[in-house]
Protein backbone atom coordinates (compact mmCIF):
# COMPACT_ATOMS: atom_id res chain seq x y z
CA MET A 1 104.59 102.80 101.91
CA ARG A 2 105.76 99.15 103.11
CA ILE A 3 109.79 99.06 105.06
CA THR A 4 112.03 96.09 104.21
CA ASN A 5 114.81 94.87 105.76
CA HIS A 6 117.25 93.52 103.02
CA SER A 7 120.26 94.53 105.09
CA ASN A 8 119.02 91.90 108.28
CA LEU A 9 118.76 94.23 111.06
CA PRO A 10 117.62 92.78 114.21
CA GLU A 11 113.98 92.88 114.95
CA VAL A 12 113.99 95.92 117.02
CA PHE A 13 114.38 98.73 114.22
CA LEU A 14 111.53 97.73 112.68
CA ARG A 15 109.55 97.98 115.81
CA PHE A 16 110.88 101.01 116.97
CA ASP A 17 109.81 102.79 113.58
CA LYS A 18 106.69 101.38 113.17
CA LYS A 19 105.52 101.93 116.93
CA ASN A 20 107.35 105.83 116.59
CA ALA A 21 105.95 106.37 113.02
CA HIS A 22 104.66 109.99 112.68
CA SER A 23 101.11 110.87 112.04
CA LYS A 24 100.11 114.77 111.16
CA GLY A 25 96.51 113.78 112.38
CA GLU A 26 93.21 114.87 111.08
CA ALA A 27 95.29 117.44 109.06
CA ASP A 28 95.84 117.76 105.16
CA PHE A 29 99.26 118.82 106.01
CA SER A 30 102.32 118.83 108.28
CA VAL A 31 104.40 121.75 108.55
CA THR A 32 107.50 119.42 107.42
CA GLU A 33 105.26 118.24 104.09
CA LEU A 34 104.29 121.92 103.48
CA ILE A 35 107.67 123.19 103.16
CA ASP A 36 109.05 120.28 100.95
CA SER A 37 108.72 119.39 97.09
CA PRO A 38 104.64 119.45 96.28
CA ARG A 39 106.19 117.12 93.41
CA ILE A 40 107.39 114.73 95.98
CA HIS A 41 104.16 115.01 97.76
CA ARG A 42 101.64 114.03 95.42
CA LEU A 43 103.84 111.09 94.05
CA LYS A 44 104.19 109.64 97.78
CA LYS A 45 100.21 109.90 97.95
CA ARG A 46 99.89 109.08 94.18
CA TYR A 47 102.29 105.41 94.95
CA ARG A 48 101.47 105.14 97.89
CA ASP A 49 101.11 101.20 98.01
CA GLU A 50 103.66 100.72 95.62
CA ILE A 51 106.46 102.67 97.56
CA THR A 52 109.08 100.50 99.32
CA GLU A 53 111.83 101.43 101.74
CA ASP A 54 114.51 99.66 103.63
CA ILE A 55 114.81 99.70 107.20
CA SER A 56 118.89 100.70 106.73
CA THR A 57 118.24 103.83 105.03
CA ARG A 58 115.76 105.06 108.09
CA VAL A 59 118.47 104.29 110.88
CA MET A 60 119.52 108.58 111.06
CA SER A 61 115.76 108.92 111.27
CA ILE A 62 115.71 106.70 114.14
CA LEU A 63 118.25 107.84 115.77
CA GLY A 64 116.73 111.13 115.77
CA THR A 65 113.14 110.15 116.94
CA ALA A 66 115.09 107.89 119.91
CA VAL A 67 116.72 111.40 121.41
CA HIS A 68 113.31 113.48 121.40
CA ASN A 69 112.17 109.96 123.27
CA ILE A 70 114.52 110.47 125.56
CA LEU A 71 114.69 114.09 126.20
CA GLU A 72 111.18 114.76 126.45
CA GLN A 73 111.61 112.74 130.15
CA GLY A 74 113.89 115.51 130.80
CA ALA A 75 111.80 118.21 130.20
CA PRO A 76 110.74 120.20 133.01
CA PRO A 77 107.00 120.62 134.14
CA GLU A 78 105.99 124.01 133.23
CA CYS A 79 106.96 123.58 130.00
CA THR A 80 105.27 121.73 127.45
CA VAL A 81 107.07 118.69 125.41
CA GLU A 82 105.91 116.59 121.78
CA GLU A 83 102.50 119.11 120.92
CA ARG A 84 100.53 119.02 118.05
CA LEU A 85 98.76 122.14 116.90
CA PHE A 86 96.06 122.51 114.44
CA MET A 87 95.16 125.99 112.05
CA SER A 88 93.21 126.12 109.05
CA VAL A 89 95.18 128.50 106.37
CA SER A 90 92.27 128.29 103.64
CA ASP A 91 88.62 127.15 103.44
CA ASN A 92 89.60 123.38 102.43
CA MET A 93 93.19 122.65 104.10
CA THR A 94 94.38 122.40 107.65
CA LEU A 95 97.61 122.62 108.68
CA SER A 96 99.43 120.33 111.69
CA GLY A 97 102.46 120.54 113.07
CA GLN A 98 103.99 118.55 116.30
CA ILE A 99 106.69 121.07 118.45
CA ASP A 100 109.42 119.52 120.29
CA LEU A 101 109.41 122.05 123.28
CA GLN A 102 107.42 124.62 124.77
CA THR A 103 109.24 127.02 127.42
CA PRO A 104 107.38 129.61 129.23
CA ASP A 105 108.88 132.86 128.72
CA GLY A 106 107.43 135.71 130.21
CA ASP A 107 104.05 136.90 128.53
CA GLY A 108 105.08 133.82 125.56
CA ILE A 109 107.15 130.83 125.17
CA ILE A 110 110.01 129.56 123.41
CA ILE A 111 109.74 127.05 120.80
CA SER A 112 112.63 125.07 120.70
CA ASP A 113 112.98 121.97 117.71
CA TYR A 114 115.23 119.16 117.97
CA LYS A 115 118.09 118.88 115.39
CA THR A 116 120.43 115.11 115.47
CA THR A 117 122.93 116.24 112.74
CA SER A 118 126.34 116.56 111.69
CA ALA A 119 129.47 118.29 112.39
CA PHE A 120 130.26 119.63 108.93
CA ALA A 121 126.23 120.89 108.43
CA ILE A 122 126.47 123.05 111.30
CA GLN A 123 129.77 124.74 110.63
CA LYS A 124 128.08 125.01 106.62
CA ASN A 125 125.58 126.65 107.92
CA PRO A 126 126.21 127.80 111.81
CA ASP A 127 122.62 129.79 112.16
CA GLY A 128 120.74 127.39 110.54
CA LYS A 129 119.85 125.69 107.44
CA SER A 130 116.81 127.57 105.71
CA GLU A 131 114.94 124.28 105.95
CA TRP A 132 114.66 125.04 109.98
CA GLU A 133 114.45 128.70 109.57
CA ASN A 134 110.81 127.98 107.19
CA GLN A 135 109.70 125.11 109.82
CA LEU A 136 110.10 127.28 112.88
CA ASN A 137 108.36 130.05 111.77
CA LEU A 138 105.24 128.17 110.78
CA TYR A 139 106.03 125.97 114.17
CA ARG A 140 105.00 129.83 115.32
CA ALA A 141 102.08 130.40 113.25
CA LEU A 142 100.72 127.00 114.92
CA ALA A 143 101.14 128.49 118.22
CA GLU A 144 99.72 132.15 118.05
CA ALA A 145 96.91 130.63 115.83
CA ASN A 146 95.76 128.22 119.09
CA GLY A 147 96.83 131.76 121.21
CA ARG A 148 100.17 131.73 122.21
CA ILE A 149 102.09 134.76 122.05
CA VAL A 150 106.20 132.86 121.02
CA ASN A 151 108.80 135.19 122.12
CA GLY A 152 111.72 133.62 120.44
CA LEU A 153 112.75 130.14 117.98
CA GLU A 154 115.83 127.93 118.67
CA VAL A 155 117.52 124.93 117.36
CA VAL A 156 118.65 122.21 119.42
CA ALA A 157 121.10 120.51 117.47
CA ILE A 158 122.74 117.47 118.75
CA ILE A 159 125.81 116.59 116.60
CA ARG A 160 126.22 112.87 116.19
CA ASP A 161 129.61 112.91 114.72
CA TRP A 162 131.12 114.94 117.51
CA SER A 163 134.70 114.77 118.68
CA ALA A 164 137.15 116.95 120.43
CA SER A 165 139.55 116.24 118.11
CA GLY A 166 137.31 118.35 115.64
CA LEU A 167 138.01 120.80 117.86
CA LYS A 168 141.58 121.22 116.33
CA ARG A 169 141.39 120.13 113.26
CA SER A 170 139.10 123.46 112.67
CA ALA A 171 138.48 126.79 113.94
CA ASP A 172 134.96 126.89 113.10
CA TYR A 173 134.18 123.36 114.82
CA PRO A 174 130.60 123.09 116.87
CA GLU A 175 132.46 123.54 120.76
CA ALA A 176 130.19 120.85 122.48
CA ALA A 177 128.11 118.07 121.04
CA VAL A 178 125.00 120.28 121.67
CA VAL A 179 124.54 123.84 120.38
CA ARG A 180 121.97 126.37 120.70
CA ILE A 181 121.16 128.02 117.67
CA PRO A 182 118.44 130.63 117.87
CA ILE A 183 116.22 131.31 114.79
CA ARG A 184 115.20 134.47 112.54
CA LEU A 185 111.16 135.16 113.54
CA TRP A 186 109.70 137.16 110.52
CA ASP A 187 107.85 139.87 110.49
CA GLN A 188 104.22 139.04 110.51
CA GLY A 189 103.60 139.93 106.48
CA ASP A 190 106.67 137.76 105.80
CA LEU A 191 105.32 134.67 107.35
CA GLU A 192 101.84 135.33 106.21
CA SER A 193 103.05 135.50 102.25
CA TYR A 194 105.19 132.51 102.90
CA LEU A 195 102.32 130.91 104.41
CA GLN A 196 100.38 131.27 101.29
CA PHE A 197 102.40 130.82 98.91
CA ARG A 198 103.50 127.15 100.22
CA VAL A 199 99.86 126.71 100.55
CA GLY A 200 99.51 127.79 96.81
CA ALA A 201 102.12 125.31 95.70
CA HIS A 202 100.84 122.79 96.56
CA HIS A 203 97.50 123.67 95.09
CA GLN A 204 98.77 124.92 91.49
CA ASP A 205 97.29 122.46 88.85
CA GLY A 206 99.71 119.78 87.15
CA LEU A 207 103.32 118.60 88.45
CA ALA A 208 105.87 121.33 89.05
CA ASN A 209 109.33 120.43 89.16
CA CYS A 210 111.55 120.01 91.59
CA THR A 211 113.36 122.86 92.10
CA ASP A 212 117.26 122.99 92.70
CA GLU A 213 117.00 123.62 96.42
CA GLU A 214 114.21 120.52 96.58
CA ARG A 215 116.82 118.29 94.98
CA TRP A 216 119.54 119.27 96.95
CA GLN A 217 121.34 119.77 94.06
CA ARG A 218 125.34 120.23 94.19
CA PRO A 219 126.60 123.32 92.23
CA ASN A 220 129.04 122.97 88.94
CA GLN A 221 132.66 123.01 89.71
CA TYR A 222 135.01 123.79 87.38
CA ALA A 223 138.75 122.17 88.17
CA VAL A 224 141.94 123.27 86.68
CA TYR A 225 144.49 121.16 85.70
CA GLY A 226 148.38 121.46 84.79
CA ARG A 227 150.31 119.23 82.51
CA ASN A 228 153.15 117.54 83.27
CA LYS A 229 157.01 118.43 81.44
CA ASP A 230 155.62 115.66 78.48
CA GLY A 231 152.35 117.79 77.93
CA THR A 232 150.45 114.95 79.62
CA GLN A 233 147.65 116.10 81.82
CA ARG A 234 148.12 115.79 85.56
CA LYS A 235 145.75 113.18 87.27
CA ARG A 236 145.15 116.02 90.06
CA ALA A 237 143.79 119.49 89.79
CA THR A 238 145.39 122.40 90.63
CA ARG A 239 142.81 124.37 92.02
CA VAL A 240 138.83 123.75 91.92
CA PHE A 241 136.58 126.90 91.43
CA GLU A 242 132.65 127.44 92.18
CA SER A 243 132.88 129.86 88.89
CA ILE A 244 133.42 129.17 85.82
CA THR A 245 135.04 133.24 85.22
CA ASP A 246 137.60 132.11 87.87
CA ALA A 247 138.75 128.92 86.51
CA GLN A 248 139.19 130.52 83.34
CA GLU A 249 141.35 134.03 84.60
CA PHE A 250 143.17 130.90 86.49
CA MET A 251 143.94 128.75 83.47
CA LEU A 252 145.08 132.11 81.61
CA LYS A 253 147.74 133.32 84.17
CA ASN A 254 148.98 129.91 84.99
CA GLY A 255 148.08 127.40 81.82
CA GLY A 256 146.09 124.21 82.02
CA ASP A 257 143.11 123.12 81.01
CA ILE A 258 139.69 123.25 82.54
CA ARG A 259 137.60 120.20 83.29
CA VAL A 260 133.73 121.10 84.10
CA ARG A 261 132.64 118.23 87.44
CA TYR A 262 129.00 118.43 86.97
CA GLY A 263 126.97 118.94 90.17
CA GLU A 264 124.82 115.90 91.28
CA SER A 265 121.15 115.84 92.60
CA ILE A 266 121.74 114.11 95.93
CA ARG A 267 118.22 113.74 96.73
CA CYS A 268 116.93 112.08 93.68
CA GLN A 269 120.24 109.86 94.15
CA SER A 270 119.93 108.05 97.33
CA TYR A 271 116.83 109.92 99.14
CA CYS A 272 113.97 110.46 97.62
CA PRO A 273 111.42 107.04 97.58
CA VAL A 274 109.73 108.34 93.99
CA SER A 275 112.94 109.18 91.98
CA ASP A 276 112.26 105.89 90.29
CA ARG A 277 108.65 106.77 89.36
CA CYS A 278 109.79 110.48 88.30
CA SER A 279 109.70 111.93 85.10
CA GLN A 280 111.75 114.94 85.93
CA TRP A 281 114.58 112.51 87.31
CA LYS A 282 114.38 110.33 84.17
CA GLU A 283 114.99 113.83 82.29
CA ILE A 284 118.20 114.74 84.48
CA GLN A 285 119.47 111.37 83.80
CA GLU A 286 118.84 111.57 80.08
CA LYS A 287 120.67 114.42 79.43
CA ASP A 288 123.36 113.52 81.85
CA ASN A 289 124.14 110.66 79.90
CA GLY A 290 123.97 112.59 76.94
């Protein structure tokens, strides 16, 4: 991948990004790759010499890396920081992952992962995102494969847009700029099943389509619009529903019309580096335009 600087950011951004580029070592997959879309992984590998990305789109990633580097310096001496572990998951596949923090806890450890995120993300996912749970439990598998006992998992969420005024606006707003979110430890059988499922997904023949979750697909919404006295439709929706049935029931009671607000593939639109080479995304666009 070639990094561009069309936004004319200071060179320090480019140098920092290059110096702190992530590496999976001598592994076939990193944990973050394994839990992600097989389609994106294959397309990135296929077009790696042709893909470009502007440094301006990596600023949030740079911020997260900078936070990791700062917190690494403050870790107590008994903790293990930024350690990359490896394990074999099949005859021809090695998995690796870099664990942010391992804190001694009795006969085992607590695994912590730093996430730089938004207040809205915490409000929407107070128990953590599903991909965080997937990632942390695979870190646990790596740690156990290397002889460690894992007693707990947690995400340490650093909220980049936190403000004291947010506490007054919303009851579920994060109470502080940093929150610790315990992550559920899976049963051993569930962990092994998930690991093999992800290995199988990346090893299957053909180029499987991304799922709605992998495309960050927003669901359709159904907006009910009332009418003015002259019979024209109002510019603003009276109510917006996630379910077409709920929208129809409301319309039958209160009158008006329903407009469908079609969900968007947020990742495909703005965040996938191979979307311009993806036939699935092309088909979705053609369908939407049709």
